[in-house]
């Protein structure tokens, strides 16, 4: 079994809030992340796949194909978007980094499988201090 990680970046805005809560309660629970005027991050996304090395090509997958899947299924949908308002796969969900990592996994899983390998991990860095890793259900 071999593991390969592809790293991509995107910028996006969001806010953490529950509409049924008061502004005061949202602030108490989510802090400055509940800013009514949103806030943004420069996310770093690491997608790790796994599988067997192809004896004919010498690699797990063509990294251009992997990049194409990540761009098509994730980056094109989230880059320079408002995650709460513009991203269909986050609709109706709390847009935490945890939920975003799960959503990204779900968006890519079929495309990665079509490459003949398996998705191993989605690692999403929101800030230098905050990183989430998701390994599937």
Protein backbone atom coordinates (compact mmCIF):
# COMPACT_ATOMS: atom_id res chain seq x y z
CA UNK A 1 0.00 0.00 0.00
CA UNK A 2 1.31 3.44 -0.98
CA UNK A 3 0.00 6.84 0.12
CA UNK A 4 0.19 10.06 -1.90
CA UNK A 5 -0.84 13.52 -0.71
CA UNK A 6 -1.87 16.38 -2.98
CA UNK A 7 -1.86 19.88 -1.47
CA UNK A 8 -4.15 22.66 -2.73
CA UNK A 9 -5.21 26.07 -1.41
CA UNK A 10 -8.40 28.08 -1.48
CA UNK A 11 -9.76 31.25 0.09
CA UNK A 12 -13.29 31.45 1.41
CA UNK A 13 -15.51 33.36 3.82
CA UNK A 14 -17.94 31.99 6.40
CA UNK A 15 -19.42 32.57 9.80
CA UNK A 16 -20.37 30.28 12.61
CA UNK A 17 -23.83 31.01 13.93
CA UNK A 18 -27.21 29.50 14.62
CA UNK A 19 -30.02 31.68 13.29
CA UNK A 20 -32.35 30.63 16.11
CA UNK A 21 -29.91 32.01 18.70
CA UNK A 22 -29.50 35.62 19.69
CA UNK A 23 -26.42 37.56 18.58
CA UNK A 24 -25.27 37.46 22.20
CA UNK A 25 -25.49 33.67 22.45
CA UNK A 26 -23.76 33.21 19.07
CA UNK A 27 -20.96 35.48 20.25
CA UNK A 28 -20.69 33.59 23.54
CA UNK A 29 -20.44 30.21 21.79
CA UNK A 30 -18.58 31.03 18.55
CA UNK A 31 -16.69 34.19 19.50
CA UNK A 32 -15.43 36.42 16.72
CA UNK A 33 -16.23 33.65 14.21
CA UNK A 34 -19.90 34.68 14.53
CA UNK A 35 -19.16 38.14 13.06
CA UNK A 36 -22.38 39.21 11.26
CA UNK A 37 -20.24 40.55 8.41
CA UNK A 38 -18.45 37.20 7.92
CA UNK A 39 -14.71 36.48 8.05
CA UNK A 40 -12.33 34.59 5.79
CA UNK A 41 -9.50 32.10 5.71
CA UNK A 42 -6.80 30.98 3.33
CA UNK A 43 -7.33 27.25 3.69
CA UNK A 44 -4.74 24.59 2.89
CA UNK A 45 -6.29 21.31 1.76
CA UNK A 46 -4.30 18.08 1.76
CA UNK A 47 -5.89 15.07 0.07
CA UNK A 48 -4.23 11.72 0.76
CA UNK A 49 -5.06 8.73 -1.41
CA UNK A 50 -3.94 5.13 -1.08
CA UNK A 51 -3.61 2.07 -3.23
CA UNK A 52 -1.16 -0.18 -5.02
CA UNK A 53 1.57 0.99 -7.37
CA UNK A 54 0.75 0.24 -11.00
CA UNK A 55 3.56 -2.00 -12.30
CA UNK A 56 3.24 -0.56 -15.79
CA UNK A 57 3.38 3.15 -14.89
CA UNK A 58 5.31 2.99 -11.63
CA UNK A 59 2.86 5.22 -9.79
CA UNK A 60 -0.44 5.01 -7.95
CA UNK A 61 -2.22 7.57 -10.14
CA UNK A 62 -1.27 10.27 -12.55
CA UNK A 63 -0.98 13.30 -10.27
CA UNK A 64 -2.49 15.51 -12.99
CA UNK A 65 -5.62 13.34 -12.82
CA UNK A 66 -5.70 13.64 -9.04
CA UNK A 67 -5.32 17.41 -9.26
CA UNK A 68 -8.12 17.56 -11.82
CA UNK A 69 -10.50 15.70 -9.46
CA UNK A 70 -9.64 17.96 -6.51
CA UNK A 71 -10.06 21.10 -8.64
CA UNK A 72 -13.33 19.94 -10.23
CA UNK A 73 -15.01 18.48 -7.16
CA UNK A 74 -13.83 20.91 -4.48
CA UNK A 75 -11.70 23.94 -5.34
CA UNK A 76 -13.98 25.20 -8.13
CA UNK A 77 -16.90 25.10 -5.68
CA UNK A 78 -15.28 26.77 -2.65
CA UNK A 79 -12.53 29.13 -3.82
CA UNK A 80 -13.44 32.79 -3.27
CA UNK A 81 -16.93 31.80 -2.16
CA UNK A 82 -19.05 32.34 0.91
CA UNK A 83 -19.22 28.83 2.36
CA UNK A 84 -22.54 29.53 4.09
CA UNK A 85 -24.29 30.98 1.04
CA UNK A 86 -22.57 29.79 -2.14
CA UNK A 87 -21.50 26.18 -1.56
CA UNK A 88 -24.24 23.66 -2.28
CA UNK A 89 -22.68 20.79 -0.33
CA UNK A 90 -22.57 22.94 2.84
CA UNK A 91 -26.17 24.12 2.58
CA UNK A 92 -28.05 23.67 5.83
CA UNK A 93 -24.92 22.69 7.77
CA UNK A 94 -22.88 24.50 10.37
CA UNK A 95 -19.86 25.65 8.37
CA UNK A 96 -17.20 24.57 10.86
CA UNK A 97 -13.85 23.29 9.63
CA UNK A 98 -14.88 19.84 10.85
CA UNK A 99 -18.06 19.81 8.77
CA UNK A 100 -16.24 21.31 5.80
CA UNK A 101 -13.66 18.49 5.88
CA UNK A 102 -16.45 15.89 5.90
CA UNK A 103 -18.21 17.68 3.04
CA UNK A 104 -15.00 17.80 1.00
CA UNK A 105 -14.52 14.05 1.54
CA UNK A 106 -18.06 13.37 0.33
CA UNK A 107 -17.54 15.58 -2.73
CA UNK A 108 -14.34 13.78 -3.78
CA UNK A 109 -14.90 10.17 -2.81
CA UNK A 110 -16.46 9.01 -6.09
CA UNK A 111 -13.98 10.91 -8.26
CA UNK A 112 -11.04 9.47 -6.35
CA UNK A 113 -12.46 5.95 -6.62
CA UNK A 114 -12.83 6.44 -10.38
CA UNK A 115 -9.04 6.92 -10.50
CA UNK A 116 -8.60 3.37 -9.19
CA UNK A 117 -7.53 4.27 -5.66
CA UNK A 118 -9.12 5.11 -2.32
CA UNK A 119 -9.41 8.31 -0.38
CA UNK A 120 -7.43 7.96 2.85
CA UNK A 121 -7.53 11.39 4.51
CA UNK A 122 -8.75 14.94 4.04
CA UNK A 123 -6.65 17.36 6.05
CA UNK A 124 -7.90 20.94 6.18
CA UNK A 125 -5.86 23.74 7.72
CA UNK A 126 -7.96 26.78 8.55
CA UNK A 127 -5.21 28.74 10.32
CA UNK A 128 -1.64 28.07 11.37
CA UNK A 129 -3.03 26.83 14.66
CA UNK A 130 -6.20 24.98 13.56
CA UNK A 131 -6.10 21.79 11.48
CA UNK A 132 -8.76 19.11 11.00
CA UNK A 133 -8.17 15.59 9.68
CA UNK A 134 -10.98 13.32 8.46
CA UNK A 135 -10.54 9.65 7.59
CA UNK A 136 -14.05 8.75 6.45
CA UNK A 137 -16.98 7.27 8.23
